[in-house]
N, C-alpha and C. Protein backbone atom coordinates (compact mmCIF):
# COMPACT_ATOMS: atom_id res chain seq x y z
N UNK A 1 2.92 23.38 13.30
CA UNK A 1 2.96 21.95 12.98
C UNK A 1 3.25 20.87 11.66
N UNK A 2 3.53 20.39 11.36
CA UNK A 2 3.19 19.38 10.17
C UNK A 2 2.01 18.41 9.91
N UNK A 3 1.56 18.47 8.73
CA UNK A 3 0.40 18.25 8.63
C UNK A 3 0.03 16.02 8.65
N UNK A 4 -0.52 15.52 8.68
CA UNK A 4 -0.15 14.50 8.72
C UNK A 4 0.48 13.50 7.76
N UNK A 5 0.10 14.01 6.60
CA UNK A 5 0.78 13.36 5.30
C UNK A 5 1.79 14.00 5.09
N UNK A 6 2.52 15.34 5.62
CA UNK A 6 3.95 15.36 5.16
C UNK A 6 4.55 14.43 6.14
N UNK A 7 4.07 13.85 7.54
CA UNK A 7 4.54 13.15 8.52
C UNK A 7 4.77 11.83 7.67
N UNK A 8 3.50 11.75 7.25
CA UNK A 8 3.66 9.97 6.46
C UNK A 8 4.83 10.48 5.69
N UNK A 9 4.86 11.03 4.76
CA UNK A 9 6.05 10.94 3.69
C UNK A 9 7.57 11.40 4.15
N UNK A 10 7.32 12.33 5.15
CA UNK A 10 9.14 11.39 5.54
C UNK A 10 8.96 10.93 6.21
N UNK A 11 8.42 10.05 6.64
CA UNK A 11 8.90 8.92 7.53
C UNK A 11 8.88 7.66 6.22
N UNK A 12 8.07 7.68 5.46
CA UNK A 12 8.68 6.79 4.13
C UNK A 12 9.82 6.79 3.82
N UNK A 13 10.33 8.17 3.36
CA UNK A 13 11.45 8.70 3.12
C UNK A 13 12.87 8.26 4.06
N UNK A 14 12.40 8.42 5.42
CA UNK A 14 13.09 8.25 6.13
C UNK A 14 13.50 6.88 6.19
N UNK A 15 12.54 6.27 5.74
CA UNK A 15 12.95 4.31 6.11
C UNK A 15 13.18 3.75 4.74
N UNK A 16 13.54 4.42 3.66
CA UNK A 16 14.10 3.79 3.22
C UNK A 16 14.97 3.87 2.54
N UNK A 17 15.54 5.28 3.49
CA UNK A 17 16.69 5.62 4.06
C UNK A 17 17.82 4.74 4.45
N UNK A 18 16.76 4.66 5.59
CA UNK A 18 17.68 3.40 6.75
C UNK A 18 17.77 2.10 5.47
N UNK A 19 16.91 1.60 4.79
CA UNK A 19 17.42 0.32 4.52
C UNK A 19 18.24 0.40 2.97
N UNK A 20 18.61 1.81 2.92
CA UNK A 20 19.35 1.81 1.74
C UNK A 20 20.63 1.78 2.80
N UNK A 21 21.32 2.76 4.06
CA UNK A 21 22.14 2.57 4.46
C UNK A 21 22.22 1.21 5.06
N UNK A 22 21.37 0.10 5.40
CA UNK A 22 21.66 -0.80 5.58
C UNK A 22 21.86 -1.65 4.47
N UNK A 23 21.90 -1.69 3.44
CA UNK A 23 22.23 -2.34 1.98
C UNK A 23 24.14 -2.04 1.25
N UNK A 24 23.90 -0.74 2.41
CA UNK A 24 25.76 -0.25 1.44
C UNK A 24 26.30 -1.32 1.80
N UNK A 25 26.37 -1.77 2.94
CA UNK A 25 27.83 -2.91 2.95
C UNK A 25 27.54 -3.80 1.77
N UNK A 26 26.27 -4.55 1.78
CA UNK A 26 26.62 -5.37 0.48
C UNK A 26 27.00 -5.12 -0.75
N UNK A 27 26.20 -4.15 -1.03
CA UNK A 27 26.64 -3.62 -2.25
C UNK A 27 28.14 -3.22 -2.26
N UNK A 28 28.70 -2.55 -1.20
CA UNK A 28 30.37 -2.70 -1.78
C UNK A 28 31.00 -4.10 -1.19
N UNK A 29 30.37 -5.01 -0.75
CA UNK A 29 31.03 -6.26 -1.19
C UNK A 29 30.95 -6.66 -2.32
N UNK A 30 30.18 -7.00 -2.81
CA UNK A 30 29.44 -7.29 -4.37
C UNK A 30 30.47 -6.29 -5.20
N UNK A 31 30.88 -5.25 -5.33
CA UNK A 31 31.32 -4.52 -6.04
C UNK A 31 33.15 -4.95 -6.00
N UNK A 32 33.21 -4.80 -4.87
CA UNK A 32 34.90 -5.73 -4.66
C UNK A 32 35.12 -6.94 -4.83
N UNK A 33 34.38 -7.40 -4.53
CA UNK A 33 34.56 -9.18 -5.18
C UNK A 33 34.62 -9.14 -6.84
N UNK A 34 33.83 -8.36 -7.13
CA UNK A 34 33.31 -8.24 -8.71
C UNK A 34 34.99 -7.21 -9.48
N UNK A 35 35.73 -7.30 -8.36
CA UNK A 35 37.23 -6.49 -9.15
C UNK A 35 36.99 -4.98 -9.40
N UNK A 36 36.13 -4.28 -8.70
CA UNK A 36 35.46 -2.78 -8.85
C UNK A 36 36.36 -2.32 -7.09
N UNK A 37 36.29 -1.12 -7.41
CA UNK A 37 37.14 -0.23 -5.76
C UNK A 37 36.34 -0.72 -4.70
N UNK A 38 35.10 -1.21 -4.70
CA UNK A 38 34.31 -0.77 -3.78
C UNK A 38 33.52 0.64 -3.04
N UNK A 39 33.23 0.81 -3.96
CA UNK A 39 32.98 2.29 -4.59
C UNK A 39 33.22 3.48 -3.58
N UNK A 40 34.54 3.42 -3.78
CA UNK A 40 36.06 4.26 -2.98
C UNK A 40 36.46 3.55 -1.94
N UNK A 41 36.11 2.26 -1.51
CA UNK A 41 37.03 2.00 -0.42
C UNK A 41 38.40 1.48 -0.10
N UNK A 42 38.42 0.52 -1.56
CA UNK A 42 39.48 0.80 -1.94
C UNK A 42 39.76 1.24 -3.05
N UNK A 43 40.65 1.78 -3.13
CA UNK A 43 41.08 2.63 -5.18
C UNK A 43 41.44 1.81 -5.94
N UNK A 44 42.41 1.29 -5.68
CA UNK A 44 42.90 0.21 -6.70
C UNK A 44 42.47 -1.35 -6.51
N UNK A 45 41.06 -1.77 -6.01
CA UNK A 45 41.17 -2.88 -5.71
C UNK A 45 41.32 -3.93 -4.48
N UNK A 46 41.01 -4.71 -4.19
CA UNK A 46 40.85 -4.98 -3.01
C UNK A 46 42.18 -5.93 -3.08
N UNK A 47 43.14 -6.52 -3.41
CA UNK A 47 44.52 -7.19 -3.58
C UNK A 47 45.33 -6.45 -3.17
N UNK A 48 45.37 -4.37 -3.42
CA UNK A 48 46.32 -3.52 -2.98
C UNK A 48 45.60 -2.55 -2.43
N UNK A 49 44.68 -2.97 -1.58
CA UNK A 49 44.20 -2.11 -0.73
C UNK A 49 45.05 -1.43 0.22
N UNK A 50 45.09 -0.18 0.55
CA UNK A 50 46.30 0.37 1.49
C UNK A 50 45.94 0.55 3.09
N UNK A 51 44.93 -0.30 3.05
CA UNK A 51 44.07 0.21 4.65
C UNK A 51 43.19 -1.08 4.41
N UNK A 52 43.42 -2.42 4.31
CA UNK A 52 42.58 -2.86 4.17
C UNK A 52 41.07 -3.46 5.43
N UNK A 53 41.39 -3.23 6.54
CA UNK A 53 41.07 -4.21 7.58
C UNK A 53 40.82 -2.16 8.70
N UNK A 54 41.25 -1.06 8.57
CA UNK A 54 40.53 -0.01 8.61
C UNK A 54 39.59 0.32 8.23
N UNK A 55 39.51 0.21 6.99
CA UNK A 55 38.19 0.79 6.40
C UNK A 55 37.02 0.48 5.98
N UNK A 56 36.57 -0.62 6.64
CA UNK A 56 36.08 -1.41 7.24
C UNK A 56 34.72 -1.40 8.24
N UNK A 57 36.43 -0.96 9.42
CA UNK A 57 35.83 -0.39 10.68
C UNK A 57 34.96 1.07 10.84
N UNK A 58 35.62 1.76 9.84
CA UNK A 58 35.64 3.01 9.61
C UNK A 58 33.70 3.29 8.99
N UNK A 59 33.90 2.91 8.09
CA UNK A 59 32.56 2.78 7.32
C UNK A 59 32.05 2.15 8.16
N UNK A 60 32.12 1.24 8.92
CA UNK A 60 30.68 0.46 9.46
C UNK A 60 30.29 1.22 11.15
N UNK A 61 31.38 2.14 11.26
CA UNK A 61 31.06 3.61 11.91
C UNK A 61 30.14 4.04 11.81
N UNK A 62 30.87 5.12 10.79
CA UNK A 62 29.74 5.66 9.88
C UNK A 62 28.41 5.67 9.82
N UNK A 63 28.67 4.10 9.10
CA UNK A 63 26.87 3.49 8.88
C UNK A 63 26.02 3.54 10.31
N UNK A 64 26.66 2.76 11.12
CA UNK A 64 25.74 2.74 12.42
C UNK A 64 25.98 4.13 12.56
N UNK A 65 26.41 5.56 13.14
CA UNK A 65 26.16 6.39 13.49
C UNK A 65 24.78 6.98 12.26
N UNK A 66 24.93 7.18 11.30
CA UNK A 66 23.99 7.35 9.59
C UNK A 66 22.70 6.80 10.30
N UNK A 67 22.85 5.54 10.46
CA UNK A 67 21.58 4.25 10.97
C UNK A 67 20.71 4.97 12.22
N UNK A 68 21.37 5.27 13.03
CA UNK A 68 21.03 6.11 14.66
C UNK A 68 20.04 7.46 14.28
N UNK A 69 21.21 8.03 13.19
CA UNK A 69 20.44 8.95 13.62
C UNK A 69 18.71 9.27 12.32
N UNK A 70 19.10 8.78 11.29
CA UNK A 70 17.55 8.48 10.59
C UNK A 70 16.95 7.23 11.49
N UNK A 71 16.92 6.90 12.01
CA UNK A 71 15.75 6.05 13.23
C UNK A 71 15.66 6.79 13.86
N UNK A 72 16.56 7.81 14.93
CA UNK A 72 15.68 8.24 16.03
C UNK A 72 14.64 9.58 15.23
N UNK A 73 15.17 10.34 14.10
CA UNK A 73 14.54 10.85 13.29
C UNK A 73 12.79 10.69 12.96
N UNK A 74 12.97 9.19 12.74
CA UNK A 74 11.79 8.48 12.30
C UNK A 74 10.99 8.21 13.92
N UNK A 75 11.54 8.07 14.91
CA UNK A 75 10.73 8.01 16.56
C UNK A 75 10.31 9.54 16.39
N UNK A 76 11.08 10.53 16.66
CA UNK A 76 10.83 11.94 16.98
C UNK A 76 9.56 12.25 16.19
N UNK A 77 9.55 11.46 14.25
CA UNK A 77 7.98 11.89 13.76
C UNK A 77 7.09 11.16 13.87
N UNK A 78 7.09 10.05 14.64
CA UNK A 78 6.33 9.19 14.96
C UNK A 78 5.69 9.75 16.54
N UNK A 79 6.41 9.99 17.05
CA UNK A 79 5.66 10.86 18.53
C UNK A 79 5.09 12.25 18.23
N UNK A 80 5.77 12.93 17.48
CA UNK A 80 5.41 14.37 16.32
C UNK A 80 3.88 13.99 16.47
N UNK A 81 3.54 12.59 15.26
CA UNK A 81 1.92 12.39 14.83
C UNK A 81 1.29 12.17 15.74
N UNK A 82 1.79 11.29 16.61
CA UNK A 82 0.72 10.83 18.11
C UNK A 82 0.13 11.46 18.94
N UNK A 83 1.36 12.82 18.54
CA UNK A 83 1.10 13.56 19.75
C UNK A 83 -0.19 15.07 19.03
N UNK A 84 0.48 15.26 18.13
CA UNK A 84 -1.38 15.70 16.71
C UNK A 84 -2.76 14.90 16.95
N UNK A 85 -2.50 13.57 17.56
CA UNK A 85 -3.71 12.99 16.68
C UNK A 85 -4.14 12.98 18.35
N UNK A 86 -3.33 12.62 19.45
CA UNK A 86 -4.34 12.91 20.97
C UNK A 86 -4.65 14.52 21.45
N UNK A 87 -4.34 15.41 20.08
CA UNK A 87 -4.65 17.03 20.53
C UNK A 87 -6.08 16.74 19.80
N UNK A 88 -5.89 16.16 18.10
CA UNK A 88 -7.26 16.26 17.33
C UNK A 88 -8.36 15.49 17.92
N UNK A 89 -8.03 14.15 19.26
CA UNK A 89 -9.31 13.38 19.34
C UNK A 89 -10.29 14.18 20.88
N UNK A 90 -9.02 14.74 21.56
CA UNK A 90 -10.41 15.46 22.59
C UNK A 90 -11.39 16.80 22.19
N UNK A 91 -10.93 17.11 20.49
CA UNK A 91 -11.41 17.88 19.62
C UNK A 91 -12.89 17.73 19.14
N UNK A 92 -12.58 15.84 18.94
CA UNK A 92 -13.70 15.43 18.16
C UNK A 92 -14.71 14.83 19.37
N UNK A 93 -14.14 14.95 20.10
CA UNK A 93 -15.61 14.00 21.00
C UNK A 93 -16.21 15.45 21.28
N UNK A 94 -15.63 16.43 22.05
CA UNK A 94 -16.14 17.72 21.87
C UNK A 94 -17.43 18.38 20.61
N UNK A 95 -16.73 18.28 19.51
CA UNK A 95 -17.41 18.67 18.44
C UNK A 95 -18.46 17.60 18.15
N UNK A 96 -18.20 16.15 18.68
CA UNK A 96 -19.42 15.49 18.22
C UNK A 96 -20.70 15.75 19.61
N UNK A 97 -20.23 15.70 20.79
CA UNK A 97 -21.13 16.05 21.75
C UNK A 97 -21.84 17.36 21.13
N UNK A 98 -21.22 18.91 21.26
CA UNK A 98 -22.07 19.94 20.58
C UNK A 98 -22.84 19.74 19.24
N UNK A 99 -22.62 18.31 18.57
CA UNK A 99 -23.27 18.38 17.32
C UNK A 99 -24.84 17.42 17.25
N UNK A 100 -24.76 17.06 18.65
CA UNK A 100 -26.05 16.22 18.89
C UNK A 100 -27.15 17.41 19.09
N UNK A 101 -28.55 16.48 18.82
CA UNK A 101 -29.73 17.51 18.95
C UNK A 101 -30.13 17.71 20.42
N UNK A 102 -30.76 18.58 20.65
CA UNK A 102 -31.35 18.56 22.35
C UNK A 102 -32.50 17.82 22.39
N UNK A 103 -32.62 17.72 23.83
CA UNK A 103 -33.76 16.62 23.81
C UNK A 103 -34.94 17.63 24.46
N UNK A 104 -35.84 18.49 23.68
CA UNK A 104 -36.56 19.41 24.41
C UNK A 104 -38.25 18.64 24.24
């Protein structure tokens, strides 16, 4: 089983990755409007892009799939974390009851 701190770090990293995936279209658009290649979407610039309509759709599909995978991984880690917490709670209750002094 993963330790709680490891799960937290993984969730943080996956959350950062989800934000990066979500902002990628904006970065590509800004690059294209400033005369760039759109991070390789249109190698010769927006004016001579060989496939201006399909490139955006392909990119959108890839980004949606990647974002869905990242969100699913975050959900799995959160469920794993909750399951570990549920397993520890009954143990903590049993330990606290056993540590109570006996009334004699």
